[in-house]
Every structure is written in C-alpha cells, then in structure tokens.
Amino acid sequence: MSSVPSTLENTPVRQSIGFANTAAKLTLRSAETVTFWAAILLPLTYLPLLHGGLAADESLHFAALLACNLFALVAGHGYGRD
C-alpha cells in the first residue's frame, strides 16, 4: 500500500507557525535569563538606600525594589534547567 504525500508539510502557514514557535521560545528564554540575573543584582541596589536610613519618600522606592526582586525571583526560577 502506498502512502499519499501530505500537501500540508511545507506550506507557508506551517512554516510561519514554526517560526512563531521558535521566536516565542527564544523570547521566553531571554526573559528568563534577564529576570534571573536581575534577581541576583537587584539586592545590590538596596545598599545605597539602607546606608543612609530610609526616609519617608525612600520607603516607597525600597518597597518597589523588593517587589521587583520578588517578581525576578519567581520569573527567573527556571533559568539553567535545560
């Protein structure tokens, strides 16, 4: 029995889907890399704020940095697990 070749194997739509899938994976891997390194480096930005003591207007900056660090820790958690 002979098999009928599929006409959908190399259509432009399938090639576009393959390209979009590859681009999405690359984007997610890049974002994971950036957030991993941000989680490592963001605590260094705490030092200047904590050195002089937190004034009323700096406490909001410190809270924002903590929130960004928490986000980076969660988003970059899977970095290097390939």
C-alpha atoms as a PDB file:
ATOM      1  CA  MET A   1       0.000   0.000   0.000  1.00  0.00           C
ATOM      2  CA  SER A   2       1.402   3.371  -0.920  1.00  0.00           C
ATOM      3  CA  SER A   3       1.045   6.416   1.225  1.00  0.00           C
ATOM      4  CA  VAL A   4      -0.266   9.656  -0.147  1.00  0.00           C
ATOM      5  CA  PRO A   5       2.130  12.564   0.452  1.00  0.00           C
ATOM      6  CA  SER A   6       0.654  15.294   2.566  1.00  0.00           C
ATOM      7  CA  THR A   7       0.264  18.668   0.918  1.00  0.00           C
ATOM      8  CA  LEU A   8       0.418  20.430   4.297  1.00  0.00           C
ATOM      9  CA  GLU A   9       4.006  19.521   5.171  1.00  0.00           C
ATOM     10  CA  ASN A  10       5.769  22.646   3.915  1.00  0.00           C
ATOM     11  CA  THR A  11       3.024  25.168   3.493  1.00  0.00           C
ATOM     12  CA  PRO A  12       3.702  28.812   4.315  1.00  0.00           C
ATOM     13  CA  VAL A  13       1.242  28.590   7.200  1.00  0.00           C
ATOM     14  CA  ARG A  14       3.132  25.716   8.829  1.00  0.00           C
ATOM     15  CA  GLN A  15       6.440  27.496   8.290  1.00  0.00           C
ATOM     16  CA  SER A  16       5.016  30.635   9.899  1.00  0.00           C
ATOM     17  CA  ILE A  17       3.748  28.656  12.872  1.00  0.00           C
ATOM     18  CA  GLY A  18       7.161  27.017  13.251  1.00  0.00           C
ATOM     19  CA  PHE A  19       8.878  30.398  13.096  1.00  0.00           C
ATOM     20  CA  ALA A  20       6.457  31.889  15.637  1.00  0.00           C
ATOM     21  CA  ASN A  21       7.006  28.929  17.962  1.00  0.00           C
ATOM     22  CA  THR A  22      10.784  29.308  17.742  1.00  0.00           C
ATOM     23  CA  ALA A  23      10.562  33.072  18.304  1.00  0.00           C
ATOM     24  CA  ALA A  24       8.309  32.577  21.341  1.00  0.00           C
ATOM     25  CA  LYS A  25      10.704  30.057  22.891  1.00  0.00           C
ATOM     26  CA  LEU A  26      13.661  32.372  22.305  1.00  0.00           C
ATOM     27  CA  THR A  27      11.797  35.321  23.811  1.00  0.00           C
ATOM     28  CA  LEU A  28      10.801  33.343  26.907  1.00  0.00           C
ATOM     29  CA  ARG A  29      14.333  32.015  27.369  1.00  0.00           C
ATOM     30  CA  SER A  30      15.748  35.544  27.057  1.00  0.00           C
ATOM     31  CA  ALA A  31      13.226  36.932  29.531  1.00  0.00           C
ATOM     32  CA  GLU A  32      14.038  34.139  31.963  1.00  0.00           C
ATOM     33  CA  THR A  33      17.756  34.912  31.667  1.00  0.00           C
ATOM     34  CA  VAL A  34      17.225  38.624  32.286  1.00  0.00           C
ATOM     35  CA  THR A  35      14.973  38.049  35.293  1.00  0.00           C
ATOM     36  CA  PHE A  36      17.403  35.516  36.781  1.00  0.00           C
ATOM     37  CA  TRP A  37      20.281  37.978  36.658  1.00  0.00           C
ATOM     38  CA  ALA A  38      18.034  40.800  37.846  1.00  0.00           C
ATOM     39  CA  ALA A  39      17.160  38.707  40.900  1.00  0.00           C
ATOM     40  CA  ILE A  40      20.872  38.383  41.635  1.00  0.00           C
ATOM     41  CA  LEU A  41      21.807  42.034  41.049  1.00  0.00           C
ATOM     42  CA  LEU A  42      18.779  43.877  42.477  1.00  0.00           C
ATOM     43  CA  PRO A  43      19.819  43.380  46.117  1.00  0.00           C
ATOM     44  CA  LEU A  44      22.885  45.492  45.380  1.00  0.00           C
ATOM     45  CA  THR A  45      20.574  48.455  44.844  1.00  0.00           C
ATOM     46  CA  TYR A  46      19.297  48.125  48.407  1.00  0.00           C
ATOM     47  CA  LEU A  47      22.655  49.126  49.853  1.00  0.00           C
ATOM     48  CA  PRO A  48      22.571  52.852  48.979  1.00  0.00           C
ATOM     49  CA  LEU A  49      19.011  53.122  50.284  1.00  0.00           C
ATOM     50  CA  LEU A  50      19.780  51.341  53.523  1.00  0.00           C
ATOM     51  CA  HIS A  51      23.106  53.086  54.091  1.00  0.00           C
ATOM     52  CA  GLY A  52      21.620  56.469  54.884  1.00  0.00           C
ATOM     53  CA  GLY A  53      18.484  55.138  56.509  1.00  0.00           C
ATOM     54  CA  LEU A  54      15.091  55.123  54.888  1.00  0.00           C
ATOM     55  CA  ALA A  55      13.331  58.465  54.751  1.00  0.00           C
ATOM     56  CA  ALA A  56       9.582  58.622  54.198  1.00  0.00           C
ATOM     57  CA  ASP A  57       9.887  59.088  50.436  1.00  0.00           C
ATOM     58  CA  GLU A  58      12.532  56.356  50.098  1.00  0.00           C
ATOM     59  CA  SER A  59      10.416  53.686  51.745  1.00  0.00           C
ATOM     60  CA  LEU A  60       8.206  53.523  48.650  1.00  0.00           C
ATOM     61  CA  HIS A  61      11.307  53.064  46.471  1.00  0.00           C
ATOM     62  CA  PHE A  62      12.529  50.300  48.760  1.00  0.00           C
ATOM     63  CA  ALA A  63       9.149  48.534  48.630  1.00  0.00           C
ATOM     64  CA  ALA A  64       9.139  48.792  44.833  1.00  0.00           C
ATOM     65  CA  LEU A  65      12.628  47.286  44.678  1.00  0.00           C
ATOM     66  CA  LEU A  66      11.533  44.425  46.908  1.00  0.00           C
ATOM     67  CA  ALA A  67       8.507  43.794  44.688  1.00  0.00           C
ATOM     68  CA  CYS A  68      10.699  43.817  41.572  1.00  0.00           C
ATOM     69  CA  ASN A  69      13.131  41.427  43.213  1.00  0.00           C
ATOM     70  CA  LEU A  70      10.327  39.061  44.189  1.00  0.00           C
ATOM     71  CA  PHE A  71       8.998  39.112  40.620  1.00  0.00           C
ATOM     72  CA  ALA A  72      12.502  38.461  39.263  1.00  0.00           C
ATOM     73  CA  LEU A  73      12.988  35.549  41.659  1.00  0.00           C
ATOM     74  CA  VAL A  74       9.762  33.899  40.531  1.00  0.00           C
ATOM     75  CA  ALA A  75      10.159  34.621  36.802  1.00  0.00           C
ATOM     76  CA  GLY A  76      13.828  33.587  36.640  1.00  0.00           C
ATOM     77  CA  HIS A  77      13.427  30.489  38.791  1.00  0.00           C
ATOM     78  CA  GLY A  78      13.774  28.007  35.914  1.00  0.00           C
ATOM     79  CA  TYR A  79      16.900  29.538  34.365  1.00  0.00           C
ATOM     80  CA  GLY A  80      19.571  26.962  33.522  1.00  0.00           C
ATOM     81  CA  ARG A  81      17.277  23.936  33.792  1.00  0.00           C
ATOM     82  CA  ASP A  82      17.533  22.784  30.197  1.00  0.00           C
END
